Amino acid sequence: MTPPLPPEVGLPSRHRVPGLPERVTVYEVGARDGLQAEAVPVPTAAKVRMIRELLAAGLPMVEATSFVSPRWIPQLADAPEVVAGLAEAGLDLARHPVLVPNDRGLDRALEAGAGALAVFVSATETFARRNLNMERWEAVEAAQKVTERGALEGRPVRGYVSMVFGDPWEGPVAPGQVAEVARALLDAGCYEVSLGDTIGVGTPGHVGAVVDAVVAAGVPRERLALHLHDTYGQALANVYAGLLAGVETFDASVGGIGGCPYAGSATGNLATEDLLWMLTGLGVETGVDLDAAMRAGLAVTTLLGRPSPSRVVQALRPN
């Protein structure tokens, strides 16, 4: 049995690498993208507590939930109650975006009092049909309408592009194809576009190629984020490639929970704890307390009845 780590082993040594950003934003998606793919239902009060603990850990943005049809994702059927719980706690709802798939979802989100929104589209045709039940550009147009209406309502909107690096039905995705969709979201008014490696097939060189293509299409690097899955163990290497490419926002899910319920090969998200460990070692500031984030993640994985897949959690909390 591996003995517990000694108390002095808590954070890695810091060694700055020339050319990397001095500070990045860690955008927490565990309460939405994480829980939506979990089989065990989580009570509303536990979701609100999870979000509050992650906020207290220093995470600047903690995505709250999704206003999708409960028939599609029953785990998030309590979206109005989650938003109400956050409001009752006195939290700034602009720091807790909610995902909306269409006008009906937007109606529900606005009725619930959501303070910020997110929309999602697919870079590929097949996934758009399977996930959104519409053609790829129909989905883009629907997201544009939601974004424009959200802006009129005074709600900032973030955009997600799924299947950026590969699609289980179509195979590799051309970077130019991704760039077209990302630019469309930016033009519609999204303040940021998150590029999603939905099935985790991206590699570091591929990350650089996609970021370069999207920037060449007119999307500023400072308005890009990367949303990485660790299906093939490439997520942290891909973060490093993103840092070298000038990306300064990275999505992560505490405890590495979740994935995509519509893509069977998509395993867990990049664990927030693992991302924080690497960034700390690189001397890149995040403003997030790793220990506090770890405690929040352990509370969630305990509730889900399974150990955390985060390698950092396994190393620092072996028991």
C-alpha atoms as a PDB file:
ATOM      1  CA  MET A   1       0.000   0.000   0.000  1.00  0.00           C
ATOM      2  CA  THR A   2       1.279   3.479  -0.878  1.00  0.00           C
ATOM      3  CA  PRO A   3       1.868   5.491   2.327  1.00  0.00           C
ATOM      4  CA  PRO A   4       0.187   8.905   2.721  1.00  0.00           C
ATOM      5  CA  LEU A   5       2.160  11.844   1.432  1.00  0.00           C
ATOM      6  CA  PRO A   6       4.038  13.816   4.087  1.00  0.00           C
ATOM      7  CA  PRO A   7       2.490  17.141   5.113  1.00  0.00           C
ATOM      8  CA  GLU A   8       5.115  19.217   3.306  1.00  0.00           C
ATOM      9  CA  VAL A   9       4.015  17.797  -0.052  1.00  0.00           C
ATOM     10  CA  GLY A  10       1.070  20.009  -0.831  1.00  0.00           C
ATOM     11  CA  LEU A  11       1.844  22.077  -3.902  1.00  0.00           C
ATOM     12  CA  PRO A  12       4.365  21.651  -6.697  1.00  0.00           C
ATOM     13  CA  SER A  13       7.474  23.804  -7.047  1.00  0.00           C
ATOM     14  CA  ARG A  14       6.911  26.804  -9.310  1.00  0.00           C
ATOM     15  CA  HIS A  15       8.998  27.127 -12.463  1.00  0.00           C
ATOM     16  CA  ARG A  16       7.959  29.758 -14.986  1.00  0.00           C
ATOM     17  CA  VAL A  17       8.227  28.915 -18.661  1.00  0.00           C
ATOM     18  CA  PRO A  18       8.902  31.826 -21.035  1.00  0.00           C
ATOM     19  CA  GLY A  19       6.010  32.667 -23.318  1.00  0.00           C
ATOM     20  CA  LEU A  20       3.201  31.416 -21.092  1.00  0.00           C
ATOM     21  CA  PRO A  21       0.467  33.713 -19.771  1.00  0.00           C
ATOM     22  CA  GLU A  22       1.073  35.037 -16.268  1.00  0.00           C
ATOM     23  CA  ARG A  23      -2.548  34.420 -15.297  1.00  0.00           C
ATOM     24  CA  VAL A  24      -5.397  32.329 -16.692  1.00  0.00           C
ATOM     25  CA  THR A  25      -9.073  31.828 -15.923  1.00  0.00           C
ATOM     26  CA  VAL A  26     -10.325  28.423 -14.823  1.00  0.00           C
ATOM     27  CA  TYR A  27     -13.968  28.170 -15.851  1.00  0.00           C
ATOM     28  CA  GLU A  28     -15.725  25.552 -13.712  1.00  0.00           C
ATOM     29  CA  VAL A  29     -18.314  23.361 -15.461  1.00  0.00           C
ATOM     30  CA  GLY A  30     -18.790  20.541 -12.950  1.00  0.00           C
ATOM     31  CA  ALA A  31     -22.244  21.537 -11.728  1.00  0.00           C
ATOM     32  CA  ARG A  32     -23.596  21.510 -15.279  1.00  0.00           C
ATOM     33  CA  ASP A  33     -21.419  19.587 -17.739  1.00  0.00           C
ATOM     34  CA  GLY A  34     -20.222  17.304 -14.957  1.00  0.00           C
ATOM     35  CA  LEU A  35     -23.503  16.347 -13.333  1.00  0.00           C
ATOM     36  CA  GLN A  36     -25.468  16.097 -16.587  1.00  0.00           C
ATOM     37  CA  ALA A  37     -23.693  12.863 -17.519  1.00  0.00           C
ATOM     38  CA  GLU A  38     -23.786  11.221 -14.101  1.00  0.00           C
ATOM     39  CA  ALA A  39     -26.210   8.387 -13.450  1.00  0.00           C
ATOM     40  CA  VAL A  40     -26.696   9.218  -9.761  1.00  0.00           C
ATOM     41  CA  PRO A  41     -29.152  12.107  -9.243  1.00  0.00           C
ATOM     42  CA  VAL A  42     -27.870  14.897  -7.010  1.00  0.00           C
ATOM     43  CA  PRO A  43     -30.330  16.819  -4.780  1.00  0.00           C
ATOM     44  CA  THR A  44     -30.851  20.483  -5.551  1.00  0.00           C
ATOM     45  CA  ALA A  45     -29.510  21.590  -2.169  1.00  0.00           C
ATOM     46  CA  ALA A  46     -26.306  19.623  -2.765  1.00  0.00           C
ATOM     47  CA  LYS A  47     -25.851  21.277  -6.163  1.00  0.00           C
ATOM     48  CA  VAL A  48     -26.242  24.733  -4.657  1.00  0.00           C
ATOM     49  CA  ARG A  49     -23.787  23.825  -1.889  1.00  0.00           C
ATOM     50  CA  MET A  50     -21.302  22.514  -4.481  1.00  0.00           C
ATOM     51  CA  ILE A  51     -21.496  25.772  -6.443  1.00  0.00           C
ATOM     52  CA  ARG A  52     -21.081  27.885  -3.303  1.00  0.00           C
ATOM     53  CA  GLU A  53     -18.017  25.863  -2.229  1.00  0.00           C
ATOM     54  CA  LEU A  54     -16.413  26.192  -5.648  1.00  0.00           C
ATOM     55  CA  LEU A  55     -17.053  29.921  -5.630  1.00  0.00           C
ATOM     56  CA  ALA A  56     -15.517  30.156  -2.164  1.00  0.00           C
ATOM     57  CA  ALA A  57     -12.448  28.304  -3.490  1.00  0.00           C
ATOM     58  CA  GLY A  58     -11.820  31.265  -5.781  1.00  0.00           C
ATOM     59  CA  LEU A  59     -13.214  30.038  -9.082  1.00  0.00           C
ATOM     60  CA  PRO A  60     -14.408  33.172 -10.894  1.00  0.00           C
ATOM     61  CA  MET A  61     -17.071  31.460 -13.017  1.00  0.00           C
ATOM     62  CA  VAL A  62     -19.053  28.387 -11.975  1.00  0.00           C
ATOM     63  CA  GLU A  63     -21.582  27.295 -14.558  1.00  0.00           C
ATOM     64  CA  ALA A  64     -24.771  26.422 -12.711  1.00  0.00           C
ATOM     65  CA  THR A  65     -27.095  24.240 -14.780  1.00  0.00           C
ATOM     66  CA  SER A  66     -28.859  23.825 -18.118  1.00  0.00           C
ATOM     67  CA  PHE A  67     -32.382  24.656 -19.196  1.00  0.00           C
ATOM     68  CA  VAL A  68     -32.746  21.693 -21.508  1.00  0.00           C
ATOM     69  CA  SER A  69     -35.799  19.477 -21.673  1.00  0.00           C
ATOM     70  CA  PRO A  70     -35.948  17.178 -18.631  1.00  0.00           C
ATOM     71  CA  ARG A  71     -36.664  14.375 -21.100  1.00  0.00           C
ATOM     72  CA  TRP A  72     -33.184  14.856 -22.571  1.00  0.00           C
ATOM     73  CA  ILE A  73     -31.230  15.353 -19.368  1.00  0.00           C
ATOM     74  CA  PRO A  74     -33.292  14.457 -16.294  1.00  0.00           C
ATOM     75  CA  GLN A  75     -30.306  15.125 -14.005  1.00  0.00           C
ATOM     76  CA  LEU A  76     -30.810  18.867 -14.599  1.00  0.00           C
ATOM     77  CA  ALA A  77     -34.600  18.962 -14.372  1.00  0.00           C
ATOM     78  CA  ASP A  78     -34.299  21.163 -11.279  1.00  0.00           C
ATOM     79  CA  ALA A  79     -32.617  24.046 -13.143  1.00  0.00           C
ATOM     80  CA  PRO A  80     -35.123  26.713 -11.953  1.00  0.00           C
ATOM     81  CA  GLU A  81     -34.696  25.564  -8.349  1.00  0.00           C
ATOM     82  CA  VAL A  82     -30.891  25.688  -8.611  1.00  0.00           C
ATOM     83  CA  VAL A  83     -30.995  29.277  -9.883  1.00  0.00           C
ATOM     84  CA  ALA A  84     -33.471  30.186  -7.148  1.00  0.00           C
ATOM     85  CA  GLY A  85     -31.183  28.625  -4.531  1.00  0.00           C
ATOM     86  CA  LEU A  86     -28.220  30.646  -5.752  1.00  0.00           C
ATOM     87  CA  ALA A  87     -30.297  33.830  -5.711  1.00  0.00           C
ATOM     88  CA  GLU A  88     -31.494  33.095  -2.184  1.00  0.00           C
ATOM     89  CA  ALA A  89     -27.860  32.694  -1.148  1.00  0.00           C
ATOM     90  CA  GLY A  90     -27.187  36.216  -2.405  1.00  0.00           C
ATOM     91  CA  LEU A  91     -24.785  35.128  -5.148  1.00  0.00           C
ATOM     92  CA  ASP A  92     -24.074  37.164  -8.281  1.00  0.00           C
ATOM     93  CA  LEU A  93     -25.929  35.181 -10.941  1.00  0.00           C
ATOM     94  CA  ALA A  94     -23.760  36.729 -13.669  1.00  0.00           C
ATOM     95  CA  ARG A  95     -20.999  34.435 -12.374  1.00  0.00           C
ATOM     96  CA  HIS A  96     -23.176  31.356 -12.808  1.00  0.00           C
ATOM     97  CA  PRO A  97     -24.150  30.980 -16.483  1.00  0.00           C
ATOM     98  CA  VAL A  98     -26.821  28.512 -17.528  1.00  0.00           C
ATOM     99  CA  LEU A  99     -26.845  26.610 -20.801  1.00  0.00           C
ATOM    100  CA  VAL A 100     -29.866  27.115 -23.058  1.00  0.00           C
ATOM    101  CA  PRO A 101     -30.439  25.094 -26.247  1.00  0.00           C
ATOM    102  CA  ASN A 102     -33.205  27.139 -27.884  1.00  0.00           C
ATOM    103  CA  ASP A 103     -35.819  29.868 -27.440  1.00  0.00           C
ATOM    104  CA  ARG A 104     -37.908  27.726 -25.111  1.00  0.00           C
ATOM    105  CA  GLY A 105     -34.891  27.120 -22.899  1.00  0.00           C
ATOM    106  CA  LEU A 106     -34.156  30.844 -22.933  1.00  0.00           C
ATOM    107  CA  ASP A 107     -37.732  31.628 -21.883  1.00  0.00           C
ATOM    108  CA  ARG A 108     -37.384  29.288 -18.906  1.00  0.00           C
ATOM    109  CA  ALA A 109     -33.949  30.655 -17.982  1.00  0.00           C
ATOM    110  CA  LEU A 110     -35.133  34.265 -18.050  1.00  0.00           C
ATOM    111  CA  GLU A 111     -38.266  33.387 -16.087  1.00  0.00           C
ATOM    112  CA  ALA A 112     -36.046  31.762 -13.442  1.00  0.00           C
ATOM    113  CA  GLY A 113     -33.895  34.899 -13.237  1.00  0.00           C
ATOM    114  CA  ALA A 114     -30.677  33.567 -14.791  1.00  0.00           C
ATOM    115  CA  GLY A 115     -27.966  36.228 -14.951  1.00  0.00           C
ATOM    116  CA  ALA A 116     -25.799  34.819 -17.760  1.00  0.00           C
ATOM    117  CA  LEU A 117     -26.241  32.334 -20.572  1.00  0.00           C
ATOM    118  CA  ALA A 118     -24.382  29.830 -22.707  1.00  0.00           C
ATOM    119  CA  VAL A 119     -25.270  28.348 -26.094  1.00  0.00           C
ATOM    120  CA  PHE A 120     -23.793  25.370 -27.884  1.00  0.00           C
ATOM    121  CA  VAL A 121     -23.383  24.225 -31.462  1.00  0.00           C
ATOM    122  CA  SER A 122     -21.554  21.422 -33.222  1.00  0.00           C
ATOM    123  CA  ALA A 123     -18.662  21.650 -35.645  1.00  0.00           C
ATOM    124  CA  THR A 124     -19.994  18.518 -37.384  1.00  0.00           C
ATOM    125  CA  GLU A 125     -23.221  17.665 -39.140  1.00  0.00           C
ATOM    126  CA  THR A 126     -23.871  14.251 -37.605  1.00  0.00           C
ATOM    127  CA  PHE A 127     -23.475  15.336 -34.003  1.00  0.00           C
ATOM    128  CA  ALA A 128     -25.726  18.347 -34.614  1.00  0.00           C
ATOM    129  CA  ARG A 129     -28.449  16.035 -35.885  1.00  0.00           C
ATOM    130  CA  ARG A 130     -28.037  13.522 -33.066  1.00  0.00           C
ATOM    131  CA  ASN A 131     -27.632  16.063 -30.278  1.00  0.00           C
ATOM    132  CA  LEU A 132     -29.728  19.031 -31.403  1.00  0.00           C
ATOM    133  CA  ASN A 133     -32.073  17.352 -33.890  1.00  0.00           C
ATOM    134  CA  MET A 134     -31.265  19.869 -36.607  1.00  0.00           C
ATOM    135  CA  GLU A 135     -28.758  20.591 -39.360  1.00  0.00           C
ATOM    136  CA  ARG A 136     -25.420  22.055 -38.312  1.00  0.00           C
ATOM    137  CA  TRP A 137     -26.123  25.545 -39.639  1.00  0.00           C
ATOM    138  CA  GLU A 138     -29.707  25.423 -38.379  1.00  0.00           C
ATOM    139  CA  ALA A 139     -28.209  24.892 -34.924  1.00  0.00           C
ATOM    140  CA  VAL A 140     -25.831  27.808 -35.452  1.00  0.00           C
ATOM    141  CA  GLU A 141     -28.722  30.041 -36.479  1.00  0.00           C
ATOM    142  CA  ALA A 142     -30.739  28.962 -33.427  1.00  0.00           C
ATOM    143  CA  ALA A 143     -27.762  29.774 -31.177  1.00  0.00           C
ATOM    144  CA  GLN A 144     -27.373  33.139 -32.884  1.00  0.00           C
ATOM    145  CA  LYS A 145     -31.008  33.992 -32.193  1.00  0.00           C
ATOM    146  CA  VAL A 146     -30.668  33.036 -28.532  1.00  0.00           C
ATOM    147  CA  THR A 147     -27.468  35.076 -28.253  1.00  0.00           C
ATOM    148  CA  GLU A 148     -28.988  38.151 -29.855  1.00  0.00           C
ATOM    149  CA  ARG A 149     -32.085  37.929 -27.682  1.00  0.00           C
ATOM    150  CA  GLY A 150     -29.985  37.340 -24.584  1.00  0.00           C
ATOM    151  CA  ALA A 151     -28.004  40.465 -25.350  1.00  0.00           C
ATOM    152  CA  LEU A 152     -31.219  42.466 -25.625  1.00  0.00           C
ATOM    153  CA  GLU A 153     -32.182  41.139 -22.179  1.00  0.00           C
ATOM    154  CA  GLY A 154     -28.829  42.264 -20.798  1.00  0.00           C
ATOM    155  CA  ARG A 155     -27.451  38.726 -20.326  1.00  0.00           C
ATOM    156  CA  PRO A 156     -23.868  37.981 -21.442  1.00  0.00           C
ATOM    157  CA  VAL A 157     -23.662  34.844 -23.576  1.00  0.00           C
ATOM    158  CA  ARG A 158     -20.845  32.340 -23.903  1.00  0.00           C
ATOM    159  CA  GLY A 159     -20.644  30.005 -26.901  1.00  0.00           C
ATOM    160  CA  TYR A 160     -19.575  26.360 -27.011  1.00  0.00           C
ATOM    161  CA  VAL A 161     -18.461  24.467 -30.110  1.00  0.00           C
ATOM    162  CA  SER A 162     -18.622  20.686 -29.732  1.00  0.00           C
ATOM    163  CA  MET A 163     -16.692  18.018 -31.697  1.00  0.00           C
ATOM    164  CA  VAL A 164     -13.859  20.406 -32.482  1.00  0.00           C
ATOM    165  CA  PHE A 165     -11.089  17.815 -32.838  1.00  0.00           C
ATOM    166  CA  GLY A 166     -12.948  14.718 -33.921  1.00  0.00           C
ATOM    167  CA  ASP A 167     -16.376  13.172 -34.267  1.00  0.00           C
ATOM    168  CA  PRO A 168     -17.186   9.494 -33.523  1.00  0.00           C
ATOM    169  CA  TRP A 169     -19.259   9.255 -36.696  1.00  0.00           C
ATOM    170  CA  GLU A 170     -17.391  11.555 -39.079  1.00  0.00           C
ATOM    171  CA  GLY A 171     -13.812  11.156 -37.878  1.00  0.00           C
ATOM    172  CA  PRO A 172     -11.276  14.022 -37.927  1.00  0.00           C
ATOM    173  CA  VAL A 173     -12.678  17.551 -38.164  1.00  0.00           C
ATOM    174  CA  ALA A 174     -11.014  20.153 -40.397  1.00  0.00           C
ATOM    175  CA  PRO A 175      -9.794  23.208 -38.419  1.00  0.00           C
ATOM    176  CA  GLY A 176     -11.390  25.502 -41.002  1.00  0.00           C
ATOM    177  CA  GLN A 177     -14.766  23.919 -40.301  1.00  0.00           C
ATOM    178  CA  VAL A 178     -14.379  24.747 -36.627  1.00  0.00           C
ATOM    179  CA  ALA A 179     -13.266  28.284 -37.434  1.00  0.00           C
ATOM    180  CA  GLU A 180     -16.436  29.002 -39.436  1.00  0.00           C
ATOM    181  CA  VAL A 181     -18.711  28.041 -36.553  1.00  0.00           C
ATOM    182  CA  ALA A 182     -16.617  29.829 -33.921  1.00  0.00           C
ATOM    183  CA  ARG A 183     -16.646  33.043 -35.956  1.00  0.00           C
ATOM    184  CA  ALA A 184     -20.426  32.782 -36.367  1.00  0.00           C
ATOM    185  CA  LEU A 185     -20.862  32.648 -32.583  1.00  0.00           C
ATOM    186  CA  LEU A 186     -18.562  35.612 -32.096  1.00  0.00           C
ATOM    187  CA  ASP A 187     -20.423  37.624 -34.739  1.00  0.00           C
ATOM    188  CA  ALA A 188     -23.724  36.814 -33.020  1.00  0.00           C
ATOM    189  CA  GLY A 189     -22.462  38.474 -29.841  1.00  0.00           C
ATOM    190  CA  CYS A 190     -20.902  35.727 -27.706  1.00  0.00           C
ATOM    191  CA  TYR A 191     -18.277  37.285 -25.448  1.00  0.00           C
ATOM    192  CA  GLU A 192     -16.238  34.069 -25.495  1.00  0.00           C
ATOM    193  CA  VAL A 193     -16.104  30.880 -27.555  1.00  0.00           C
ATOM    194  CA  SER A 194     -15.114  27.601 -25.901  1.00  0.00           C
ATOM    195  CA  LEU A 195     -13.668  24.958 -28.237  1.00  0.00           C
ATOM    196  CA  GLY A 196     -14.675  21.497 -27.048  1.00  0.00           C
ATOM    197  CA  ASP A 197     -12.733  18.272 -27.470  1.00  0.00           C
ATOM    198  CA  THR A 198     -15.939  16.360 -26.831  1.00  0.00           C
ATOM    199  CA  ILE A 199     -14.522  12.850 -27.258  1.00  0.00           C
ATOM    200  CA  GLY A 200     -10.987  13.667 -26.126  1.00  0.00           C
ATOM    201  CA  VAL A 201      -9.113  12.818 -29.332  1.00  0.00           C
ATOM    202  CA  GLY A 202      -7.136  16.063 -29.606  1.00  0.00           C
ATOM    203  CA  THR A 203      -3.351  16.114 -29.320  1.00  0.00           C
ATOM    204  CA  PRO A 204      -1.035  19.089 -28.686  1.00  0.00           C
ATOM    205  CA  GLY A 205      -0.172  19.782 -32.321  1.00  0.00           C
ATOM    206  CA  HIS A 206      -3.833  19.563 -33.243  1.00  0.00           C
ATOM    207  CA  VAL A 207      -4.704  22.101 -30.543  1.00  0.00           C
ATOM    208  CA  GLY A 208      -2.259  24.600 -31.990  1.00  0.00           C
ATOM    209  CA  ALA A 209      -3.599  24.075 -35.514  1.00  0.00           C
ATOM    210  CA  VAL A 210      -7.221  24.612 -34.461  1.00  0.00           C
ATOM    211  CA  VAL A 211      -6.459  27.702 -32.384  1.00  0.00           C
ATOM    212  CA  ASP A 212      -4.464  29.190 -35.270  1.00  0.00           C
ATOM    213  CA  ALA A 213      -7.308  28.501 -37.722  1.00  0.00           C
ATOM    214  CA  VAL A 214      -9.909  30.092 -35.451  1.00  0.00           C
ATOM    215  CA  VAL A 215      -7.740  33.148 -34.851  1.00  0.00           C
ATOM    216  CA  ALA A 216      -7.096  33.448 -38.597  1.00  0.00           C
ATOM    217  CA  ALA A 217     -10.891  33.526 -39.066  1.00  0.00           C
ATOM    218  CA  GLY A 218     -11.059  36.662 -36.923  1.00  0.00           C
ATOM    219  CA  VAL A 219     -11.673  35.346 -33.404  1.00  0.00           C
ATOM    220  CA  PRO A 220      -9.224  37.039 -30.980  1.00  0.00           C
ATOM    221  CA  ARG A 221      -7.169  34.671 -28.839  1.00  0.00           C
ATOM    222  CA  GLU A 222      -8.312  36.446 -25.691  1.00  0.00           C
ATOM    223  CA  ARG A 223     -11.893  35.462 -26.509  1.00  0.00           C
ATOM    224  CA  LEU A 224     -11.125  31.758 -26.838  1.00  0.00           C
ATOM    225  CA  ALA A 225     -11.355  28.991 -24.261  1.00  0.00           C
ATOM    226  CA  LEU A 226     -10.530  25.292 -24.408  1.00  0.00           C
ATOM    227  CA  HIS A 227     -12.833  22.587 -23.066  1.00  0.00           C
ATOM    228  CA  LEU A 228     -10.846  19.359 -22.909  1.00  0.00           C
ATOM    229  CA  HIS A 229     -11.717  15.754 -22.090  1.00  0.00           C
ATOM    230  CA  ASP A 230      -9.174  13.224 -20.885  1.00  0.00           C
ATOM    231  CA  THR A 231     -10.370  10.166 -22.798  1.00  0.00           C
ATOM    232  CA  TYR A 232      -6.859   9.329 -24.060  1.00  0.00           C
ATOM    233  CA  GLY A 233      -4.921  11.021 -21.260  1.00  0.00           C
ATOM    234  CA  GLN A 234      -4.109  14.051 -23.397  1.00  0.00           C
ATOM    235  CA  ALA A 235      -5.987  16.807 -21.575  1.00  0.00           C
ATOM    236  CA  LEU A 236      -3.100  18.384 -19.641  1.00  0.00           C
ATOM    237  CA  ALA A 237      -0.744  18.146 -22.614  1.00  0.00           C
ATOM    238  CA  ASN A 238      -3.423  19.880 -24.647  1.00  0.00           C
ATOM    239  CA  VAL A 239      -3.755  22.591 -21.984  1.00  0.00           C
ATOM    240  CA  TYR A 240      -0.025  23.220 -22.284  1.00  0.00           C
ATOM    241  CA  ALA A 241      -0.361  23.481 -26.070  1.00  0.00           C
ATOM    242  CA  GLY A 242      -3.219  25.921 -25.543  1.00  0.00           C
ATOM    243  CA  LEU A 243      -1.088  28.032 -23.215  1.00  0.00           C
ATOM    244  CA  LEU A 244       1.668  28.159 -25.820  1.00  0.00           C
ATOM    245  CA  ALA A 245      -0.944  29.184 -28.397  1.00  0.00           C
ATOM    246  CA  GLY A 246      -2.034  32.113 -26.219  1.00  0.00           C
ATOM    247  CA  VAL A 247      -5.288  30.722 -24.801  1.00  0.00           C
ATOM    248  CA  GLU A 248      -6.015  32.111 -21.341  1.00  0.00           C
ATOM    249  CA  THR A 249      -9.274  30.401 -20.328  1.00  0.00           C
ATOM    250  CA  PHE A 250      -9.683  26.679 -19.670  1.00  0.00           C
ATOM    251  CA  ASP A 251     -12.827  24.778 -18.745  1.00  0.00           C
ATOM    252  CA  ALA A 252     -12.568  22.083 -16.097  1.00  0.00           C
ATOM    253  CA  SER A 253     -14.822  19.968 -13.912  1.00  0.00           C
ATOM    254  CA  VAL A 254     -14.095  19.428 -10.243  1.00  0.00           C
ATOM    255  CA  GLY A 255     -13.346  15.780  -9.556  1.00  0.00           C
ATOM    256  CA  GLY A 256     -13.173  15.156 -13.312  1.00  0.00           C
ATOM    257  CA  ILE A 257     -16.872  14.320 -13.278  1.00  0.00           C
ATOM    258  CA  GLY A 258     -19.051  14.178 -16.339  1.00  0.00           C
ATOM    259  CA  GLY A 259     -18.577  13.987 -20.051  1.00  0.00           C
ATOM    260  CA  CYS A 260     -21.102  14.138 -22.854  1.00  0.00           C
ATOM    261  CA  PRO A 261     -24.325  12.122 -22.530  1.00  0.00           C
ATOM    262  CA  TYR A 262     -24.680  12.056 -26.335  1.00  0.00           C
ATOM    263  CA  ALA A 263     -21.184  10.756 -27.132  1.00  0.00           C
ATOM    264  CA  GLY A 264     -20.563   7.352 -25.627  1.00  0.00           C
ATOM    265  CA  SER A 265     -16.795   7.506 -26.045  1.00  0.00           C
ATOM    266  CA  ALA A 266     -16.495  10.774 -24.096  1.00  0.00           C
ATOM    267  CA  THR A 267     -15.163  10.008 -20.648  1.00  0.00           C
ATOM    268  CA  GLY A 268     -14.644  12.511 -17.869  1.00  0.00           C
ATOM    269  CA  ASN A 269     -13.803  16.148 -18.222  1.00  0.00           C
ATOM    270  CA  LEU A 270     -10.392  17.500 -17.335  1.00  0.00           C
ATOM    271  CA  ALA A 271     -10.292  17.550 -13.525  1.00  0.00           C
ATOM    272  CA  THR A 272     -10.097  21.029 -12.041  1.00  0.00           C
ATOM    273  CA  GLU A 273      -7.650  19.777  -9.412  1.00  0.00           C
ATOM    274  CA  ASP A 274      -5.245  18.391 -12.034  1.00  0.00           C
ATOM    275  CA  LEU A 275      -5.400  21.603 -14.044  1.00  0.00           C
ATOM    276  CA  LEU A 276      -4.703  23.709 -10.942  1.00  0.00           C
ATOM    277  CA  TRP A 277      -1.737  21.537  -9.974  1.00  0.00           C
ATOM    278  CA  MET A 278      -0.110  21.929 -13.387  1.00  0.00           C
ATOM    279  CA  LEU A 279      -0.756  25.666 -13.599  1.00  0.00           C
ATOM    280  CA  THR A 280       0.656  26.143 -10.101  1.00  0.00           C
ATOM    281  CA  GLY A 281       3.825  24.312 -11.103  1.00  0.00           C
ATOM    282  CA  LEU A 282       4.157  26.539 -14.149  1.00  0.00           C
ATOM    283  CA  GLY A 283       3.835  29.651 -12.017  1.00  0.00           C
ATOM    284  CA  VAL A 284       0.611  30.624 -13.792  1.00  0.00           C
ATOM    285  CA  GLU A 285      -1.767  32.411 -11.434  1.00  0.00           C
ATOM    286  CA  THR A 286      -5.426  31.388 -11.182  1.00  0.00           C
ATOM    287  CA  GLY A 287      -6.617  32.831  -7.880  1.00  0.00           C
ATOM    288  CA  VAL A 288      -8.043  29.413  -6.943  1.00  0.00           C
ATOM    289  CA  ASP A 289      -7.288  27.554  -3.724  1.00  0.00           C
ATOM    290  CA  LEU A 290      -6.416  23.988  -4.749  1.00  0.00           C
ATOM    291  CA  ASP A 291      -7.164  22.482  -1.355  1.00  0.00           C
ATOM    292  CA  ALA A 292     -10.584  24.126  -1.175  1.00  0.00           C
ATOM    293  CA  ALA A 293     -11.421  23.003  -4.715  1.00  0.00           C
ATOM    294  CA  MET A 294     -10.305  19.489  -3.819  1.00  0.00           C
ATOM    295  CA  ARG A 295     -12.573  19.393  -0.785  1.00  0.00           C
ATOM    296  CA  ALA A 296     -15.522  20.516  -2.913  1.00  0.00           C
ATOM    297  CA  GLY A 297     -14.734  17.828  -5.461  1.00  0.00           C
ATOM    298  CA  LEU A 298     -14.440  15.100  -2.836  1.00  0.00           C
ATOM    299  CA  ALA A 299     -17.835  16.060  -1.444  1.00  0.00           C
ATOM    300  CA  VAL A 300     -19.359  15.610  -4.909  1.00  0.00           C
ATOM    301  CA  THR A 301     -17.680  12.312  -5.785  1.00  0.00           C
ATOM    302  CA  THR A 302     -18.594  10.951  -2.350  1.00  0.00           C
ATOM    303  CA  LEU A 303     -22.203  11.896  -3.049  1.00  0.00           C
ATOM    304  CA  LEU A 304     -21.952  10.118  -6.396  1.00  0.00           C
ATOM    305  CA  GLY A 305     -20.612   7.040  -4.629  1.00  0.00           C
ATOM    306  CA  ARG A 306     -17.301   6.706  -6.393  1.00  0.00           C
ATOM    307  CA  PRO A 307     -13.687   7.789  -5.993  1.00  0.00           C
ATOM    308  CA  SER A 308     -12.423  10.906  -7.726  1.00  0.00           C
ATOM    309  CA  PRO A 309     -10.635  10.162 -11.014  1.00  0.00           C
ATOM    310  CA  SER A 310      -8.374  13.172 -10.452  1.00  0.00           C
ATOM    311  CA  ARG A 311      -4.754  12.039 -10.224  1.00  0.00           C
ATOM    312  CA  VAL A 312      -3.970  14.930  -7.876  1.00  0.00           C
ATOM    313  CA  VAL A 313      -6.762  13.913  -5.517  1.00  0.00           C
ATOM    314  CA  GLN A 314      -5.594  10.305  -5.614  1.00  0.00           C
ATOM    315  CA  ALA A 315      -2.049  11.416  -4.731  1.00  0.00           C
ATOM    316  CA  LEU A 316      -2.890  13.922  -1.988  1.00  0.00           C
ATOM    317  CA  ARG A 317      -5.875  12.083  -0.506  1.00  0.00           C
ATOM    318  CA  PRO A 318      -4.915   8.413  -1.037  1.00  0.00           C
ATOM    319  CA  ASN A 319      -7.320   7.183   1.621  1.00  0.00           C
END
